[in-house]
Amino acid sequence: MDTNAAGMAEPIDFRHHLTADGGRICARMICRTLDLIANKWAVPIILTLAAARQQRPDRPMRFSELSRALPLITQKELTKQLRSLEAAGLVGRHVHAAVPPRVEYWLTDLGVSLRPVLDALGRWSAENGPAMAANLQQKQDAVAAAE
């Protein structure tokens, strides 16, 4: 730990860290991104739109297609999540003037750039999830035994 002129320990700046290759990352920006995607539906929506883009690069998904692809999400929640992802620039939206209105969604280039990160997180989770679950269970057992 570094010290200042008075010999006092300098506080660590947790806002900025170095990556393994020496680049700078900002913890605040990582937290902001996680806040956006760390809910029940954001990642499934992003992955569904990514798969659709890979299969049909020239054709966005209609709201009804997304709804069918994610049958457990309510229309209200799907709309809320899509608006949030659209506001962040990860999802694009187009409303066709028709009766009934036809709304289409697609993953933007910014959204596509998140895919490798989600893939890496998925691999990490698959490799380390069982160990984390065992650790959590061990902690719960210890707390229960202490009560």
Protein backbone atom coordinates (compact mmCIF):
# COMPACT_ATOMS: atom_id res chain seq x y z
CA MET A 1 0.00 0.00 0.00
CA ASP A 2 1.32 3.45 -0.87
CA THR A 3 1.84 6.07 1.80
CA ASN A 4 1.58 9.85 1.56
CA ALA A 5 4.10 12.46 2.81
CA ALA A 6 2.72 12.18 6.36
CA GLY A 7 3.32 8.41 6.34
CA MET A 8 -0.40 7.67 6.25
CA ALA A 9 -1.70 4.90 4.04
CA GLU A 10 -3.23 6.19 0.81
CA PRO A 11 -6.76 4.90 0.22
CA ILE A 12 -7.21 2.57 -2.72
CA ASP A 13 -9.18 4.07 -5.60
CA PHE A 14 -11.76 1.38 -6.28
CA ARG A 15 -13.19 3.33 -9.20
CA HIS A 16 -10.35 2.33 -11.52
CA HIS A 17 -8.54 -0.96 -11.87
CA LEU A 18 -6.09 -2.45 -14.31
CA THR A 19 -6.99 -5.37 -16.52
CA ALA A 20 -4.72 -8.40 -16.85
CA ASP A 21 -3.14 -6.79 -19.93
CA GLY A 22 -2.58 -3.42 -18.20
CA GLY A 23 -5.62 -1.55 -19.55
CA ARG A 24 -7.77 0.58 -17.27
CA ILE A 25 -11.31 -0.39 -16.36
CA CYS A 26 -13.84 1.55 -14.36
CA ALA A 27 -15.74 -0.37 -11.68
CA ARG A 28 -18.58 2.15 -11.85
CA MET A 29 -19.15 1.46 -15.55
CA ILE A 30 -19.09 -2.30 -14.95
CA CYS A 31 -21.69 -1.87 -12.19
CA ARG A 32 -23.85 0.27 -14.47
CA THR A 33 -23.75 -2.42 -17.15
CA LEU A 34 -24.51 -5.16 -14.63
CA ASP A 35 -27.44 -3.14 -13.28
CA LEU A 36 -28.88 -3.11 -16.80
CA ILE A 37 -28.43 -6.80 -17.59
CA ALA A 38 -28.53 -8.43 -14.14
CA ASN A 39 -32.22 -9.11 -14.01
CA LYS A 40 -34.30 -12.13 -14.85
CA TRP A 41 -35.05 -11.24 -18.47
CA ALA A 42 -32.40 -8.98 -20.00
CA VAL A 43 -29.91 -11.73 -20.85
CA PRO A 44 -32.53 -14.10 -22.32
CA ILE A 45 -33.86 -11.23 -24.45
CA ILE A 46 -30.37 -10.28 -25.66
CA LEU A 47 -29.47 -13.91 -26.44
CA THR A 48 -32.78 -14.47 -28.26
CA LEU A 49 -32.25 -11.37 -30.41
CA ALA A 50 -28.62 -12.40 -31.03
CA ALA A 51 -29.72 -15.87 -32.20
CA ALA A 52 -32.36 -14.33 -34.45
CA ARG A 53 -29.81 -11.92 -35.93
CA GLN A 54 -27.42 -14.80 -36.58
CA GLN A 55 -30.11 -16.88 -38.31
CA ARG A 56 -31.74 -13.99 -40.21
CA PRO A 57 -29.41 -10.97 -40.30
CA ASP A 58 -31.75 -8.96 -42.53
CA ARG A 59 -34.96 -9.52 -40.54
CA PRO A 60 -35.76 -8.09 -37.07
CA MET A 61 -38.00 -9.95 -34.62
CA ARG A 62 -41.58 -8.90 -34.15
CA PHE A 63 -42.81 -8.41 -30.61
CA SER A 64 -45.05 -11.46 -30.93
CA GLU A 65 -42.09 -13.62 -32.03
CA LEU A 66 -40.07 -12.48 -29.03
CA SER A 67 -43.03 -13.17 -26.78
CA ARG A 68 -43.38 -16.71 -28.17
CA ALA A 69 -39.62 -17.32 -27.86
CA LEU A 70 -39.76 -16.33 -24.17
CA PRO A 71 -43.09 -17.83 -23.07
CA LEU A 72 -42.67 -17.23 -19.32
CA ILE A 73 -42.30 -13.44 -19.56
CA THR A 74 -45.43 -11.29 -19.44
CA GLN A 75 -46.06 -8.79 -22.23
CA LYS A 76 -45.78 -5.97 -19.71
CA GLU A 77 -42.37 -7.14 -18.49
CA LEU A 78 -41.13 -7.81 -22.02
CA THR A 79 -42.13 -4.28 -23.02
CA LYS A 80 -40.42 -2.82 -19.95
CA GLN A 81 -37.19 -4.74 -20.57
CA LEU A 82 -37.13 -3.91 -24.29
CA ARG A 83 -37.58 -0.20 -23.51
CA SER A 84 -34.72 -0.33 -21.02
CA LEU A 85 -32.43 -2.12 -23.48
CA GLU A 86 -33.48 0.29 -26.24
CA ALA A 87 -32.72 3.30 -24.03
CA ALA A 88 -29.22 1.90 -23.46
CA GLY A 89 -28.73 1.46 -27.21
CA LEU A 90 -28.49 -2.35 -27.08
CA VAL A 91 -31.78 -2.94 -28.90
CA GLY A 92 -33.29 -1.15 -31.88
CA ARG A 93 -37.03 -0.69 -32.38
CA HIS A 94 -39.22 0.19 -35.34
CA VAL A 95 -42.98 0.74 -35.28
CA HIS A 96 -44.76 0.19 -38.59
CA ALA A 97 -47.84 2.32 -39.18
CA ALA A 98 -50.38 -0.45 -39.52
CA VAL A 99 -53.49 -1.65 -37.78
CA PRO A 100 -52.72 -3.34 -35.50
CA PRO A 101 -49.32 -1.71 -35.03
CA ARG A 102 -46.38 -3.92 -35.96
CA VAL A 103 -43.31 -3.43 -33.78
CA GLU A 104 -39.96 -4.98 -34.65
CA TYR A 105 -36.83 -5.32 -32.52
CA TRP A 106 -33.22 -6.16 -33.29
CA LEU A 107 -29.90 -6.22 -31.54
CA THR A 108 -27.86 -3.15 -32.42
CA ASP A 109 -24.13 -3.32 -33.08
CA LEU A 110 -23.62 -2.20 -29.49
CA GLY A 111 -25.84 -5.07 -28.32
CA VAL A 112 -23.96 -7.52 -30.53
CA SER A 113 -20.70 -6.38 -28.94
CA LEU A 114 -22.04 -7.59 -25.58
CA ARG A 115 -22.42 -11.17 -26.86
CA PRO A 116 -18.77 -12.25 -26.33
CA VAL A 117 -18.96 -10.91 -22.77
CA LEU A 118 -22.10 -12.94 -22.09
CA ASP A 119 -20.50 -16.00 -23.70
CA ALA A 120 -17.45 -15.63 -21.44
CA LEU A 121 -19.67 -15.15 -18.39
CA GLY A 122 -21.62 -18.26 -19.37
CA ARG A 123 -18.42 -20.31 -19.66
CA TRP A 124 -17.19 -18.99 -16.31
CA SER A 125 -20.54 -19.80 -14.70
CA ALA A 126 -20.54 -23.32 -16.11
CA GLU A 127 -17.00 -23.92 -14.82
CA ASN A 128 -17.41 -22.27 -11.42
CA GLY A 129 -21.14 -22.46 -10.68
CA PRO A 130 -20.98 -25.85 -8.94
CA ALA A 131 -18.16 -24.69 -6.64
CA MET A 132 -20.05 -21.50 -5.78
CA ALA A 133 -23.23 -23.48 -5.08
CA ALA A 134 -21.29 -25.85 -2.81
CA ASN A 135 -19.70 -22.92 -0.96
CA LEU A 136 -23.09 -21.26 -0.47
CA GLN A 137 -24.61 -24.51 0.77
CA GLN A 138 -21.71 -25.01 3.17
CA LYS A 139 -22.20 -21.50 4.54
CA GLN A 140 -25.97 -22.02 4.92
CA ASP A 141 -25.33 -25.32 6.73
CA ALA A 142 -22.86 -23.63 9.09
CA VAL A 143 -25.34 -20.84 9.88
CA ALA A 144 -28.14 -23.37 10.45
CA ALA A 145 -25.90 -25.44 12.75
CA ALA A 146 -24.97 -22.35 14.77
CA GLU A 147 -28.62 -21.46 15.42
